[in-house]
Amino acid sequence: MKKTLLITTLLISSVTAFAQKNTSKSYIEQFKDNAIQIMHETGIPASIVLGIAMHESGNGNSSIAKNLNNQFGFKGGSTTIYYKNNKRVTSAYKKYNSILESFDDFARVITHRQELGRISDELTQYDYEKWVKGIQRSGYASSKKWTSQVLAIIRKYQLNDLDQTPVEQAQTAQATQSATENPYLK
């Protein structure tokens, strides 16, 4: 009886652990380095990459994020089939081989689509608010609330801090540390 109870408990706990959803913080930790790398390669702020991915994929918890590795809600040129709860699902969303491939495709779309390419030419990595508004105006999302929702995520999790270069991050950290150590700098 004890063995059965132990096995049942272990089985339930392993299923529960497997079914746990990504949190905002775990998603940020998992993909912030990739977002920073994209920023350095393309000029798209890391805050934009992560903020939009978090919003569009529900921190990687949406069906298309889980089943198609699609973090940005991109539609594909053909239908994709996947199975959810033993049911066949036909989707118009694009399927990626990996989550990082989805991130790379987002960067490609933002920098190469004509209506979006102008944004990357005109703005710097520090203009995250203008980036979100420009992406919305270009037709990326149809919801009127999209801009405010993405900006809310960026602000809540201070994703714009990722938009600094490593030198700037070190200077900011050093200034913060100096201010806390020296009461006369406050």
Protein backbone atom coordinates (compact mmCIF):
# COMPACT_ATOMS: atom_id res chain seq x y z
CA MET A 1 0.00 0.00 0.00
CA LYS A 2 2.80 2.39 0.90
CA LYS A 3 4.57 1.67 -2.40
CA THR A 4 1.40 2.41 -4.36
CA LEU A 5 0.89 5.65 -2.47
CA LEU A 6 4.51 6.66 -3.00
CA ILE A 7 4.39 5.87 -6.71
CA THR A 8 1.10 7.76 -7.10
CA THR A 9 2.51 10.78 -5.27
CA LEU A 10 5.67 10.80 -7.39
CA LEU A 11 3.64 10.44 -10.56
CA ILE A 12 1.34 13.33 -9.63
CA SER A 13 4.24 15.58 -8.64
CA SER A 14 6.12 14.85 -11.88
CA VAL A 15 3.01 15.55 -13.97
CA THR A 16 2.44 18.77 -12.01
CA ALA A 17 6.04 19.85 -12.54
CA PHE A 18 5.79 19.11 -16.25
CA ALA A 19 2.52 21.04 -16.57
CA GLN A 20 3.83 24.16 -14.84
CA LYS A 21 3.63 27.27 -16.89
CA ASN A 22 6.42 29.70 -17.59
CA THR A 23 6.30 32.79 -15.45
CA SER A 24 7.23 36.20 -16.77
CA LYS A 25 10.45 36.15 -14.79
CA SER A 26 11.44 32.66 -15.94
CA TYR A 27 10.73 33.61 -19.56
CA ILE A 28 12.88 36.74 -19.23
CA GLU A 29 15.74 34.77 -17.68
CA GLN A 30 15.52 32.11 -20.36
CA PHE A 31 15.55 34.47 -23.36
CA LYS A 32 17.11 37.79 -22.30
CA ASP A 33 20.57 36.89 -23.62
CA ASN A 34 19.06 36.00 -27.01
CA ALA A 35 17.17 39.29 -27.07
CA ILE A 36 20.34 41.23 -26.22
CA GLN A 37 22.24 39.40 -28.98
CA ILE A 38 19.51 40.29 -31.49
CA MET A 39 19.70 43.91 -30.31
CA HIS A 40 23.45 44.06 -30.92
CA GLU A 41 23.09 42.42 -34.35
CA THR A 42 20.08 44.39 -35.61
CA GLY A 43 19.52 47.46 -33.42
CA ILE A 44 16.07 46.25 -32.32
CA PRO A 45 15.87 46.91 -28.58
CA ALA A 46 16.01 43.78 -26.42
CA SER A 47 13.01 45.19 -24.53
CA ILE A 48 10.99 45.13 -27.76
CA VAL A 49 11.98 41.57 -28.62
CA LEU A 50 11.16 40.25 -25.15
CA GLY A 51 8.11 42.44 -24.51
CA ILE A 52 6.43 41.44 -27.76
CA ALA A 53 7.34 37.76 -27.34
CA MET A 54 5.96 37.76 -23.78
CA HIS A 55 2.76 39.43 -24.90
CA GLU A 56 2.15 37.39 -28.04
CA SER A 57 3.03 34.00 -26.53
CA GLY A 58 1.76 34.46 -23.00
CA ASN A 59 5.32 33.93 -21.75
CA GLY A 60 5.64 30.88 -23.99
CA ASN A 61 2.46 29.29 -22.61
CA SER A 62 0.10 29.74 -25.58
CA SER A 63 -0.78 26.78 -27.79
CA ILE A 64 1.11 28.13 -30.78
CA ALA A 65 4.14 28.91 -28.62
CA LYS A 66 4.20 25.39 -27.17
CA ASN A 67 3.27 23.41 -30.26
CA LEU A 68 4.79 25.49 -33.05
CA ASN A 69 7.64 27.34 -31.23
CA ASN A 70 5.97 30.52 -32.52
CA GLN A 71 6.60 33.27 -29.97
CA PHE A 72 5.38 36.22 -32.04
CA GLY A 73 2.09 35.08 -33.56
CA PHE A 74 3.36 35.05 -37.14
CA LYS A 75 1.08 33.45 -39.68
CA GLY A 76 2.60 31.18 -42.30
CA GLY A 77 2.07 30.70 -46.00
CA SER A 78 0.46 27.31 -45.49
CA THR A 79 -1.47 25.46 -42.82
CA THR A 80 0.30 23.65 -40.03
CA ILE A 81 -1.02 20.63 -38.20
CA TYR A 82 -0.30 19.75 -34.59
CA TYR A 83 -2.00 17.72 -31.91
CA LYS A 84 -3.38 19.12 -28.69
CA ASN A 85 -5.06 16.85 -26.15
CA ASN A 86 -5.08 14.03 -28.73
CA LYS A 87 -7.02 16.22 -31.17
CA ARG A 88 -5.77 17.32 -34.55
CA VAL A 89 -5.45 21.10 -34.84
CA THR A 90 -5.06 22.85 -38.17
CA SER A 91 -3.40 26.24 -37.80
CA ALA A 92 -2.53 29.15 -40.06
CA TYR A 93 0.36 30.06 -37.75
CA LYS A 94 3.94 29.50 -38.79
CA LYS A 95 5.84 26.55 -37.32
CA TYR A 96 9.48 26.92 -36.27
CA ASN A 97 12.03 24.23 -35.52
CA SER A 98 13.04 26.05 -32.33
CA ILE A 99 12.07 29.03 -30.24
CA LEU A 100 15.30 30.78 -31.20
CA GLU A 101 14.39 30.38 -34.86
CA SER A 102 11.19 32.26 -34.04
CA PHE A 103 13.21 35.06 -32.42
CA ASP A 104 15.50 35.26 -35.47
CA ASP A 105 12.51 35.41 -37.82
CA PHE A 106 11.03 38.26 -35.77
CA ALA A 107 14.27 40.22 -36.18
CA ARG A 108 14.30 39.48 -39.90
CA VAL A 109 10.71 40.66 -40.34
CA ILE A 110 11.27 43.85 -38.35
CA THR A 111 14.43 44.79 -40.23
CA HIS A 112 13.45 43.68 -43.76
CA ARG A 113 9.76 44.41 -44.23
CA GLN A 114 9.48 47.74 -45.98
CA GLU A 115 6.96 49.28 -43.58
CA LEU A 116 8.93 48.04 -40.56
CA GLY A 117 12.42 48.55 -41.96
CA ARG A 118 12.03 52.31 -41.77
CA ILE A 119 11.54 52.02 -38.02
CA SER A 120 14.86 50.25 -37.56
CA ASP A 121 16.57 52.90 -39.71
CA GLU A 122 15.07 55.84 -37.81
CA LEU A 123 15.19 54.72 -34.18
CA THR A 124 17.93 53.66 -31.78
CA GLN A 125 17.85 50.82 -29.29
CA TYR A 126 16.92 53.32 -26.57
CA ASP A 127 13.59 54.42 -28.13
CA TYR A 128 11.51 51.46 -27.00
CA GLU A 129 8.26 53.48 -26.76
CA LYS A 130 8.63 54.76 -30.33
CA TRP A 131 9.50 51.24 -31.50
CA VAL A 132 6.28 49.80 -30.05
CA LYS A 133 4.16 52.60 -31.52
CA GLY A 134 5.85 52.30 -34.92
CA ILE A 135 5.40 48.54 -35.01
CA GLN A 136 1.71 48.97 -34.15
CA ARG A 137 1.22 51.62 -36.88
CA SER A 138 2.88 49.36 -39.45
CA GLY A 139 0.07 46.85 -39.05
CA TYR A 140 1.82 44.26 -36.89
CA ALA A 141 -1.14 44.05 -34.51
CA SER A 142 -4.74 45.06 -35.03
CA SER A 143 -5.79 45.53 -31.40
CA LYS A 144 -5.97 49.16 -30.31
CA LYS A 145 -4.74 48.07 -26.86
CA TRP A 146 -1.66 46.26 -28.18
CA THR A 147 0.77 49.18 -27.75
CA SER A 148 -0.28 49.89 -24.18
CA GLN A 149 -0.19 46.17 -23.31
CA VAL A 150 3.34 45.68 -24.64
CA LEU A 151 4.55 48.90 -23.00
CA ALA A 152 3.02 47.77 -19.70
CA ILE A 153 5.04 44.53 -19.86
CA ILE A 154 8.24 46.40 -20.69
CA ARG A 155 7.74 48.82 -17.81
CA LYS A 156 6.56 46.26 -15.26
CA TYR A 157 9.61 44.08 -15.75
CA GLN A 158 11.98 46.97 -16.56
CA LEU A 159 12.96 45.31 -19.82
CA ASN A 160 14.31 48.62 -21.09
CA ASP A 161 17.25 48.07 -18.72
CA LEU A 162 18.36 45.36 -21.16
CA ASP A 163 18.65 47.99 -23.90
CA GLN A 164 21.82 49.37 -22.36
CA THR A 165 25.20 48.26 -23.57
CA PRO A 166 27.29 46.25 -21.08
CA VAL A 167 29.44 49.34 -20.41
CA GLU A 168 26.33 51.39 -19.63
CA GLN A 169 24.99 48.59 -17.40
CA ALA A 170 28.26 48.53 -15.47
CA GLN A 171 28.19 52.33 -15.08
CA THR A 172 24.57 52.23 -13.88
CA ALA A 173 25.35 49.45 -11.40
CA GLN A 174 28.44 51.30 -10.17
CA ALA A 175 26.48 54.56 -9.72
CA THR A 176 23.73 52.73 -7.83
CA GLN A 177 26.27 51.01 -5.60
CA SER A 178 28.13 54.29 -4.93
CA ALA A 179 24.90 56.06 -4.02
CA THR A 180 23.95 53.37 -1.51
CA GLU A 181 27.44 53.29 0.04
CA ASN A 182 27.91 57.07 0.24
CA PRO A 183 25.02 58.84 2.01
CA TYR A 184 26.18 62.24 0.66
CA LEU A 185 25.44 61.18 -2.93
CA LYS A 186 21.76 60.59 -2.20
